[in-house]
């Protein structure tokens, strides 16, 4: 059997995603047909969007601004709305990004219904704060509680008259399904081109959705998984969690043109 030609190999590289989790290498195809090797999901999102950017990004569960920093690096002219309900984290977020005229900070969380909730907090690691009761299943040591405000993303989208959102990023520690249910109207009209969120494959909290639940919820609105990033495993090799990137149906169709 003859070896494949250089032309064949280049064509294969342009049409296939390679996952080598041991080396953490990834090949993705850019809109202009060139090939980039990266494990940076923000670089992948910027590549996918190309020139098709409305310049609006949402960071739900912004914590102290890690994703806002990454967004600003890859989308320097975008307007970013960052949502963080915990006061201590929000104060750090405000200190880091409050002076940026293109960053709008919201001190409330996203949920299926407006109201308030108890946030279980970890003072040494606020990125793990969660509305869900950690119970006995959590591997983390929660040491406080805080009452926070919750709103529906649908209501905010209507209030601010958003017509298109490039990226909805969500990291809300097991509350992703409830936050997405509060955006059901936006999902039904494919308001978000890309959705980037943390997903679990092993139960951390009894009430928390697993990857299959999130995939079904988004699939009902014709969002499809594009790729997984930053895979975390238990010592026995069991996949524990990852960051998942979903694409809307209209955006997928545009990519295939």
C-alpha atoms as a PDB file:
ATOM      1  CA  UNK A   1       0.000   0.000   0.000  1.00  0.00           C
ATOM      2  CA  UNK A   2       1.567   3.364  -1.043  1.00  0.00           C
ATOM      3  CA  UNK A   3       2.309   5.977   1.575  1.00  0.00           C
ATOM      4  CA  UNK A   4      -0.011   9.012   1.552  1.00  0.00           C
ATOM      5  CA  UNK A   5       1.260  12.063  -0.284  1.00  0.00           C
ATOM      6  CA  UNK A   6       1.974  15.418   1.353  1.00  0.00           C
ATOM      7  CA  UNK A   7      -1.190  16.751  -0.317  1.00  0.00           C
ATOM      8  CA  UNK A   8      -3.244  13.922   1.203  1.00  0.00           C
ATOM      9  CA  UNK A   9      -1.799  14.575   4.660  1.00  0.00           C
ATOM     10  CA  UNK A  10      -2.514  18.311   4.449  1.00  0.00           C
ATOM     11  CA  UNK A  11      -6.090  17.654   3.373  1.00  0.00           C
ATOM     12  CA  UNK A  12      -6.546  15.201   6.225  1.00  0.00           C
ATOM     13  CA  UNK A  13      -5.186  17.708   8.746  1.00  0.00           C
ATOM     14  CA  UNK A  14      -7.602  20.367   7.500  1.00  0.00           C
ATOM     15  CA  UNK A  15     -10.668  18.156   7.826  1.00  0.00           C
ATOM     16  CA  UNK A  16     -10.072  16.212  11.041  1.00  0.00           C
ATOM     17  CA  UNK A  17      -9.732  17.152  14.692  1.00  0.00           C
ATOM     18  CA  UNK A  18      -6.897  15.260  16.336  1.00  0.00           C
ATOM     19  CA  UNK A  19      -7.201  14.560  20.056  1.00  0.00           C
ATOM     20  CA  UNK A  20      -4.001  13.386  21.675  1.00  0.00           C
ATOM     21  CA  UNK A  21      -4.812  13.862  25.341  1.00  0.00           C
ATOM     22  CA  UNK A  22      -1.423  12.628  26.518  1.00  0.00           C
ATOM     23  CA  UNK A  23       0.408  15.380  24.623  1.00  0.00           C
ATOM     24  CA  UNK A  24      -2.548  17.777  24.782  1.00  0.00           C
ATOM     25  CA  UNK A  25      -2.250  18.709  21.105  1.00  0.00           C
ATOM     26  CA  UNK A  26      -5.170  19.700  18.962  1.00  0.00           C
ATOM     27  CA  UNK A  27      -5.544  20.602  15.297  1.00  0.00           C
ATOM     28  CA  UNK A  28      -8.463  22.771  14.272  1.00  0.00           C
ATOM     29  CA  UNK A  29      -9.447  24.296  10.982  1.00  0.00           C
ATOM     30  CA  UNK A  30      -9.742  28.061  10.746  1.00  0.00           C
ATOM     31  CA  UNK A  31     -12.365  29.759   8.614  1.00  0.00           C
ATOM     32  CA  UNK A  32      -9.760  30.848   6.099  1.00  0.00           C
ATOM     33  CA  UNK A  33      -8.589  27.286   5.590  1.00  0.00           C
ATOM     34  CA  UNK A  34      -5.287  27.496   7.448  1.00  0.00           C
ATOM     35  CA  UNK A  35      -4.458  25.086  10.243  1.00  0.00           C
ATOM     36  CA  UNK A  36      -3.554  25.994  13.819  1.00  0.00           C
ATOM     37  CA  UNK A  37      -2.355  23.669  16.588  1.00  0.00           C
ATOM     38  CA  UNK A  38      -3.643  24.763  19.985  1.00  0.00           C
ATOM     39  CA  UNK A  39      -5.214  23.674  23.246  1.00  0.00           C
ATOM     40  CA  UNK A  40      -6.436  27.215  24.002  1.00  0.00           C
ATOM     41  CA  UNK A  41     -10.251  27.221  23.712  1.00  0.00           C
ATOM     42  CA  UNK A  42     -10.319  31.005  23.416  1.00  0.00           C
ATOM     43  CA  UNK A  43      -8.009  30.840  20.419  1.00  0.00           C
ATOM     44  CA  UNK A  44     -10.303  28.194  18.920  1.00  0.00           C
ATOM     45  CA  UNK A  45     -13.378  30.368  19.490  1.00  0.00           C
ATOM     46  CA  UNK A  46     -11.682  33.414  17.973  1.00  0.00           C
ATOM     47  CA  UNK A  47     -10.642  31.296  14.998  1.00  0.00           C
ATOM     48  CA  UNK A  48     -14.139  29.911  14.492  1.00  0.00           C
ATOM     49  CA  UNK A  49     -15.763  33.330  14.678  1.00  0.00           C
ATOM     50  CA  UNK A  50     -13.221  34.935  12.366  1.00  0.00           C
ATOM     51  CA  UNK A  51     -14.694  38.144  10.986  1.00  0.00           C
ATOM     52  CA  UNK A  52     -18.231  37.033  11.877  1.00  0.00           C
ATOM     53  CA  UNK A  53     -18.235  38.808  15.239  1.00  0.00           C
ATOM     54  CA  UNK A  54     -20.929  41.060  16.656  1.00  0.00           C
ATOM     55  CA  UNK A  55     -18.585  41.968  19.504  1.00  0.00           C
ATOM     56  CA  UNK A  56     -20.692  40.802  22.457  1.00  0.00           C
ATOM     57  CA  UNK A  57     -19.450  38.216  24.971  1.00  0.00           C
ATOM     58  CA  UNK A  58     -21.079  36.963  28.188  1.00  0.00           C
ATOM     59  CA  UNK A  59     -19.137  35.583  31.151  1.00  0.00           C
ATOM     60  CA  UNK A  60     -21.607  33.945  33.546  1.00  0.00           C
ATOM     61  CA  UNK A  61     -19.780  32.964  36.703  1.00  0.00           C
ATOM     62  CA  UNK A  62     -16.969  35.448  36.175  1.00  0.00           C
ATOM     63  CA  UNK A  63     -15.343  34.881  39.575  1.00  0.00           C
ATOM     64  CA  UNK A  64     -12.427  37.357  39.826  1.00  0.00           C
ATOM     65  CA  UNK A  65     -12.115  37.941  36.079  1.00  0.00           C
ATOM     66  CA  UNK A  66     -10.002  35.117  34.691  1.00  0.00           C
ATOM     67  CA  UNK A  67     -12.229  34.651  31.628  1.00  0.00           C
ATOM     68  CA  UNK A  68     -12.668  38.386  31.131  1.00  0.00           C
ATOM     69  CA  UNK A  69      -8.887  38.628  30.838  1.00  0.00           C
ATOM     70  CA  UNK A  70      -8.832  35.819  28.260  1.00  0.00           C
ATOM     71  CA  UNK A  71     -11.733  37.361  26.345  1.00  0.00           C
ATOM     72  CA  UNK A  72     -10.002  40.726  26.246  1.00  0.00           C
ATOM     73  CA  UNK A  73      -6.807  39.136  24.944  1.00  0.00           C
ATOM     74  CA  UNK A  74      -8.528  37.308  22.073  1.00  0.00           C
ATOM     75  CA  UNK A  75     -11.367  39.778  21.431  1.00  0.00           C
ATOM     76  CA  UNK A  76      -9.760  43.185  22.085  1.00  0.00           C
ATOM     77  CA  UNK A  77     -12.691  45.257  20.799  1.00  0.00           C
ATOM     78  CA  UNK A  78     -15.582  43.207  22.193  1.00  0.00           C
ATOM     79  CA  UNK A  79     -18.121  44.337  24.765  1.00  0.00           C
ATOM     80  CA  UNK A  80     -18.029  41.912  27.687  1.00  0.00           C
ATOM     81  CA  UNK A  81     -20.801  41.412  30.230  1.00  0.00           C
ATOM     82  CA  UNK A  82     -19.500  39.636  33.339  1.00  0.00           C
ATOM     83  CA  UNK A  83     -21.830  38.133  35.969  1.00  0.00           C
ATOM     84  CA  UNK A  84     -20.609  37.398  39.490  1.00  0.00           C
ATOM     85  CA  UNK A  85     -23.064  37.246  42.433  1.00  0.00           C
ATOM     86  CA  UNK A  86     -20.584  36.867  45.309  1.00  0.00           C
ATOM     87  CA  UNK A  87     -19.566  40.185  46.799  1.00  0.00           C
ATOM     88  CA  UNK A  88     -15.917  39.330  47.634  1.00  0.00           C
ATOM     89  CA  UNK A  89     -15.302  37.880  44.166  1.00  0.00           C
ATOM     90  CA  UNK A  90     -17.182  40.743  42.509  1.00  0.00           C
ATOM     91  CA  UNK A  91     -15.021  43.288  44.335  1.00  0.00           C
ATOM     92  CA  UNK A  92     -11.867  41.650  42.950  1.00  0.00           C
ATOM     93  CA  UNK A  93     -13.501  41.467  39.524  1.00  0.00           C
ATOM     94  CA  UNK A  94     -14.352  45.158  39.724  1.00  0.00           C
ATOM     95  CA  UNK A  95     -10.819  46.042  40.799  1.00  0.00           C
ATOM     96  CA  UNK A  96      -9.363  44.085  37.874  1.00  0.00           C
ATOM     97  CA  UNK A  97     -11.762  45.119  35.100  1.00  0.00           C
ATOM     98  CA  UNK A  98     -14.101  47.827  36.369  1.00  0.00           C
ATOM     99  CA  UNK A  99     -12.128  50.571  34.634  1.00  0.00           C
ATOM    100  CA  UNK A 100     -12.445  48.921  31.218  1.00  0.00           C
ATOM    101  CA  UNK A 101     -15.131  50.898  29.343  1.00  0.00           C
ATOM    102  CA  UNK A 102     -16.055  47.800  27.331  1.00  0.00           C
ATOM    103  CA  UNK A 103     -16.679  45.620  30.393  1.00  0.00           C
ATOM    104  CA  UNK A 104     -20.090  45.701  32.083  1.00  0.00           C
ATOM    105  CA  UNK A 105     -20.230  44.068  35.520  1.00  0.00           C
ATOM    106  CA  UNK A 106     -23.406  42.519  36.958  1.00  0.00           C
ATOM    107  CA  UNK A 107     -23.553  41.437  40.609  1.00  0.00           C
ATOM    108  CA  UNK A 108     -26.138  38.685  40.263  1.00  0.00           C
ATOM    109  CA  UNK A 109     -26.283  35.094  39.094  1.00  0.00           C
ATOM    110  CA  UNK A 110     -28.216  33.399  36.303  1.00  0.00           C
ATOM    111  CA  UNK A 111     -31.087  31.036  37.079  1.00  0.00           C
ATOM    112  CA  UNK A 112     -34.338  29.585  35.758  1.00  0.00           C
ATOM    113  CA  UNK A 113     -36.352  32.070  37.835  1.00  0.00           C
ATOM    114  CA  UNK A 114     -35.555  35.430  39.453  1.00  0.00           C
ATOM    115  CA  UNK A 115     -35.129  35.574  43.200  1.00  0.00           C
ATOM    116  CA  UNK A 116     -32.428  34.899  45.753  1.00  0.00           C
ATOM    117  CA  UNK A 117     -30.409  31.889  46.830  1.00  0.00           C
ATOM    118  CA  UNK A 118     -27.808  30.771  49.331  1.00  0.00           C
ATOM    119  CA  UNK A 119     -24.318  30.529  47.874  1.00  0.00           C
ATOM    120  CA  UNK A 120     -22.005  28.028  49.579  1.00  0.00           C
ATOM    121  CA  UNK A 121     -18.548  29.572  49.617  1.00  0.00           C
ATOM    122  CA  UNK A 122     -14.897  28.595  50.005  1.00  0.00           C
ATOM    123  CA  UNK A 123     -12.853  31.548  51.195  1.00  0.00           C
ATOM    124  CA  UNK A 124      -9.590  30.065  49.943  1.00  0.00           C
ATOM    125  CA  UNK A 125     -10.968  29.105  46.505  1.00  0.00           C
ATOM    126  CA  UNK A 126     -13.969  31.254  45.489  1.00  0.00           C
ATOM    127  CA  UNK A 127     -13.994  29.755  41.989  1.00  0.00           C
ATOM    128  CA  UNK A 128     -15.651  26.706  43.602  1.00  0.00           C
ATOM    129  CA  UNK A 129     -18.525  28.638  45.209  1.00  0.00           C
ATOM    130  CA  UNK A 130     -21.828  26.932  44.427  1.00  0.00           C
ATOM    131  CA  UNK A 131     -25.553  27.393  44.919  1.00  0.00           C
ATOM    132  CA  UNK A 132     -25.917  23.624  45.237  1.00  0.00           C
ATOM    133  CA  UNK A 133     -25.676  22.140  48.700  1.00  0.00           C
ATOM    134  CA  UNK A 134     -22.321  20.313  48.744  1.00  0.00           C
ATOM    135  CA  UNK A 135     -23.604  17.720  51.233  1.00  0.00           C
ATOM    136  CA  UNK A 136     -21.238  14.811  51.762  1.00  0.00           C
ATOM    137  CA  UNK A 137     -20.335  14.303  48.108  1.00  0.00           C
ATOM    138  CA  UNK A 138     -18.139  17.354  47.711  1.00  0.00           C
ATOM    139  CA  UNK A 139     -14.375  17.007  47.795  1.00  0.00           C
ATOM    140  CA  UNK A 140     -14.117  20.679  48.773  1.00  0.00           C
ATOM    141  CA  UNK A 141     -14.351  22.258  52.209  1.00  0.00           C
ATOM    142  CA  UNK A 142     -17.000  24.975  52.165  1.00  0.00           C
ATOM    143  CA  UNK A 143     -16.647  27.405  55.020  1.00  0.00           C
ATOM    144  CA  UNK A 144     -19.357  30.033  54.553  1.00  0.00           C
ATOM    145  CA  UNK A 145     -22.632  31.084  52.992  1.00  0.00           C
ATOM    146  CA  UNK A 146     -23.824  34.227  51.249  1.00  0.00           C
ATOM    147  CA  UNK A 147     -27.255  35.338  50.031  1.00  0.00           C
ATOM    148  CA  UNK A 148     -27.140  36.279  46.363  1.00  0.00           C
ATOM    149  CA  UNK A 149     -29.502  37.687  43.736  1.00  0.00           C
ATOM    150  CA  UNK A 150     -30.611  35.613  40.750  1.00  0.00           C
ATOM    151  CA  UNK A 151     -32.072  36.716  37.395  1.00  0.00           C
ATOM    152  CA  UNK A 152     -33.073  35.142  34.108  1.00  0.00           C
ATOM    153  CA  UNK A 153     -30.752  35.778  31.180  1.00  0.00           C
ATOM    154  CA  UNK A 154     -33.824  35.975  28.925  1.00  0.00           C
ATOM    155  CA  UNK A 155     -35.064  39.015  30.826  1.00  0.00           C
ATOM    156  CA  UNK A 156     -31.703  40.740  30.554  1.00  0.00           C
ATOM    157  CA  UNK A 157     -31.427  39.931  26.840  1.00  0.00           C
ATOM    158  CA  UNK A 158     -34.810  41.548  26.260  1.00  0.00           C
ATOM    159  CA  UNK A 159     -33.980  44.521  28.471  1.00  0.00           C
ATOM    160  CA  UNK A 160     -30.680  45.203  26.702  1.00  0.00           C
ATOM    161  CA  UNK A 161     -32.077  44.263  23.273  1.00  0.00           C
ATOM    162  CA  UNK A 162     -29.342  41.810  22.389  1.00  0.00           C
ATOM    163  CA  UNK A 163     -29.732  40.610  18.811  1.00  0.00           C
ATOM    164  CA  UNK A 164     -26.675  38.320  18.738  1.00  0.00           C
ATOM    165  CA  UNK A 165     -24.078  37.095  21.227  1.00  0.00           C
ATOM    166  CA  UNK A 166     -20.791  35.685  19.990  1.00  0.00           C
ATOM    167  CA  UNK A 167     -19.958  33.607  23.076  1.00  0.00           C
ATOM    168  CA  UNK A 168     -21.859  32.615  26.194  1.00  0.00           C
ATOM    169  CA  UNK A 169     -19.322  31.281  28.706  1.00  0.00           C
ATOM    170  CA  UNK A 170     -20.754  29.635  31.808  1.00  0.00           C
ATOM    171  CA  UNK A 171     -19.033  28.206  34.873  1.00  0.00           C
ATOM    172  CA  UNK A 172     -21.468  28.060  37.785  1.00  0.00           C
ATOM    173  CA  UNK A 173     -20.420  24.888  39.607  1.00  0.00           C
ATOM    174  CA  UNK A 174     -23.308  22.509  38.956  1.00  0.00           C
ATOM    175  CA  UNK A 175     -25.990  25.138  38.342  1.00  0.00           C
ATOM    176  CA  UNK A 176     -25.523  25.214  34.547  1.00  0.00           C
ATOM    177  CA  UNK A 177     -28.842  23.558  33.726  1.00  0.00           C
ATOM    178  CA  UNK A 178     -30.812  26.084  35.785  1.00  0.00           C
ATOM    179  CA  UNK A 179     -28.936  29.021  34.284  1.00  0.00           C
ATOM    180  CA  UNK A 180     -29.586  27.678  30.774  1.00  0.00           C
ATOM    181  CA  UNK A 181     -33.285  27.170  31.534  1.00  0.00           C
ATOM    182  CA  UNK A 182     -33.405  30.878  32.323  1.00  0.00           C
ATOM    183  CA  UNK A 183     -32.141  31.506  28.793  1.00  0.00           C
ATOM    184  CA  UNK A 184     -34.571  29.169  27.017  1.00  0.00           C
ATOM    185  CA  UNK A 185     -35.996  31.951  24.874  1.00  0.00           C
ATOM    186  CA  UNK A 186     -32.540  33.036  23.766  1.00  0.00           C
ATOM    187  CA  UNK A 187     -31.581  29.427  23.063  1.00  0.00           C
ATOM    188  CA  UNK A 188     -34.701  28.842  20.985  1.00  0.00           C
ATOM    189  CA  UNK A 189     -33.765  31.692  18.647  1.00  0.00           C
ATOM    190  CA  UNK A 190     -30.045  30.773  18.594  1.00  0.00           C
ATOM    191  CA  UNK A 191     -29.035  34.064  20.201  1.00  0.00           C
ATOM    192  CA  UNK A 192     -25.691  32.580  21.300  1.00  0.00           C
ATOM    193  CA  UNK A 193     -23.400  31.504  18.454  1.00  0.00           C
ATOM    194  CA  UNK A 194     -21.026  29.623  20.767  1.00  0.00           C
ATOM    195  CA  UNK A 195     -21.660  28.259  24.249  1.00  0.00           C
ATOM    196  CA  UNK A 196     -18.631  27.374  26.349  1.00  0.00           C
ATOM    197  CA  UNK A 197     -19.241  25.782  29.729  1.00  0.00           C
ATOM    198  CA  UNK A 198     -17.879  23.385  32.295  1.00  0.00           C
ATOM    199  CA  UNK A 199     -19.447  19.911  32.259  1.00  0.00           C
ATOM    200  CA  UNK A 200     -19.170  17.014  34.668  1.00  0.00           C
ATOM    201  CA  UNK A 201     -18.981  13.304  33.926  1.00  0.00           C
ATOM    202  CA  UNK A 202     -19.097  12.090  37.542  1.00  0.00           C
ATOM    203  CA  UNK A 203     -21.618  13.313  40.115  1.00  0.00           C
ATOM    204  CA  UNK A 204     -20.175  15.937  42.448  1.00  0.00           C
ATOM    205  CA  UNK A 205     -23.481  17.145  43.896  1.00  0.00           C
ATOM    206  CA  UNK A 206     -26.716  15.143  43.860  1.00  0.00           C
ATOM    207  CA  UNK A 207     -28.587  17.960  42.083  1.00  0.00           C
ATOM    208  CA  UNK A 208     -25.888  18.734  39.537  1.00  0.00           C
ATOM    209  CA  UNK A 209     -26.388  17.864  35.850  1.00  0.00           C
ATOM    210  CA  UNK A 210     -23.920  15.646  34.046  1.00  0.00           C
ATOM    211  CA  UNK A 211     -22.604  16.123  30.532  1.00  0.00           C
ATOM    212  CA  UNK A 212     -25.461  14.103  29.020  1.00  0.00           C
ATOM    213  CA  UNK A 213     -28.048  16.322  30.693  1.00  0.00           C
ATOM    214  CA  UNK A 214     -26.426  19.487  29.332  1.00  0.00           C
ATOM    215  CA  UNK A 215     -26.036  17.974  25.874  1.00  0.00           C
ATOM    216  CA  UNK A 216     -29.738  17.026  25.842  1.00  0.00           C
ATOM    217  CA  UNK A 217     -30.820  20.437  27.084  1.00  0.00           C
ATOM    218  CA  UNK A 218     -28.803  22.270  24.437  1.00  0.00           C
ATOM    219  CA  UNK A 219     -29.600  19.674  21.785  1.00  0.00           C
ATOM    220  CA  UNK A 220     -33.302  20.434  22.202  1.00  0.00           C
ATOM    221  CA  UNK A 221     -32.425  23.886  20.813  1.00  0.00           C
ATOM    222  CA  UNK A 222     -30.233  22.389  18.067  1.00  0.00           C
ATOM    223  CA  UNK A 223     -26.897  23.223  19.662  1.00  0.00           C
ATOM    224  CA  UNK A 224     -24.239  20.607  18.935  1.00  0.00           C
ATOM    225  CA  UNK A 225     -21.007  19.704  20.702  1.00  0.00           C
ATOM    226  CA  UNK A 226     -17.945  20.925  18.828  1.00  0.00           C
ATOM    227  CA  UNK A 227     -15.110  19.893  21.139  1.00  0.00           C
ATOM    228  CA  UNK A 228     -13.906  19.305  24.711  1.00  0.00           C
ATOM    229  CA  UNK A 229     -11.027  21.121  26.411  1.00  0.00           C
ATOM    230  CA  UNK A 230      -9.039  20.872  29.646  1.00  0.00           C
ATOM    231  CA  UNK A 231     -10.058  17.312  30.447  1.00  0.00           C
ATOM    232  CA  UNK A 232      -9.610  16.341  34.099  1.00  0.00           C
ATOM    233  CA  UNK A 233      -9.327  12.726  35.209  1.00  0.00           C
ATOM    234  CA  UNK A 234      -9.302  10.813  38.471  1.00  0.00           C
ATOM    235  CA  UNK A 235      -6.102   8.867  39.277  1.00  0.00           C
ATOM    236  CA  UNK A 236      -7.776   5.701  37.931  1.00  0.00           C
ATOM    237  CA  UNK A 237      -8.253   7.359  34.534  1.00  0.00           C
ATOM    238  CA  UNK A 238     -11.977   8.110  34.876  1.00  0.00           C
ATOM    239  CA  UNK A 239     -12.917  11.345  33.120  1.00  0.00           C
ATOM    240  CA  UNK A 240     -14.121  13.756  35.791  1.00  0.00           C
ATOM    241  CA  UNK A 241     -14.900  17.056  34.073  1.00  0.00           C
ATOM    242  CA  UNK A 242     -14.061  19.169  31.032  1.00  0.00           C
ATOM    243  CA  UNK A 243     -14.921  22.413  29.273  1.00  0.00           C
ATOM    244  CA  UNK A 244     -17.338  21.870  26.391  1.00  0.00           C
ATOM    245  CA  UNK A 245     -17.852  24.077  23.333  1.00  0.00           C
ATOM    246  CA  UNK A 246     -21.261  23.954  21.611  1.00  0.00           C
ATOM    247  CA  UNK A 247     -22.232  25.634  18.341  1.00  0.00           C
ATOM    248  CA  UNK A 248     -25.672  26.885  17.326  1.00  0.00           C
ATOM    249  CA  UNK A 249     -27.332  25.453  14.227  1.00  0.00           C
ATOM    250  CA  UNK A 250     -27.127  28.681  12.148  1.00  0.00           C
ATOM    251  CA  UNK A 251     -23.476  29.136  13.071  1.00  0.00           C
ATOM    252  CA  UNK A 252     -22.665  25.521  12.131  1.00  0.00           C
ATOM    253  CA  UNK A 253     -24.411  26.000   8.796  1.00  0.00           C
ATOM    254  CA  UNK A 254     -22.376  29.142   8.106  1.00  0.00           C
ATOM    255  CA  UNK A 255     -19.139  27.278   8.884  1.00  0.00           C
ATOM    256  CA  UNK A 256     -20.006  24.592   6.346  1.00  0.00           C
ATOM    257  CA  UNK A 257     -20.609  27.010   3.507  1.00  0.00           C
END
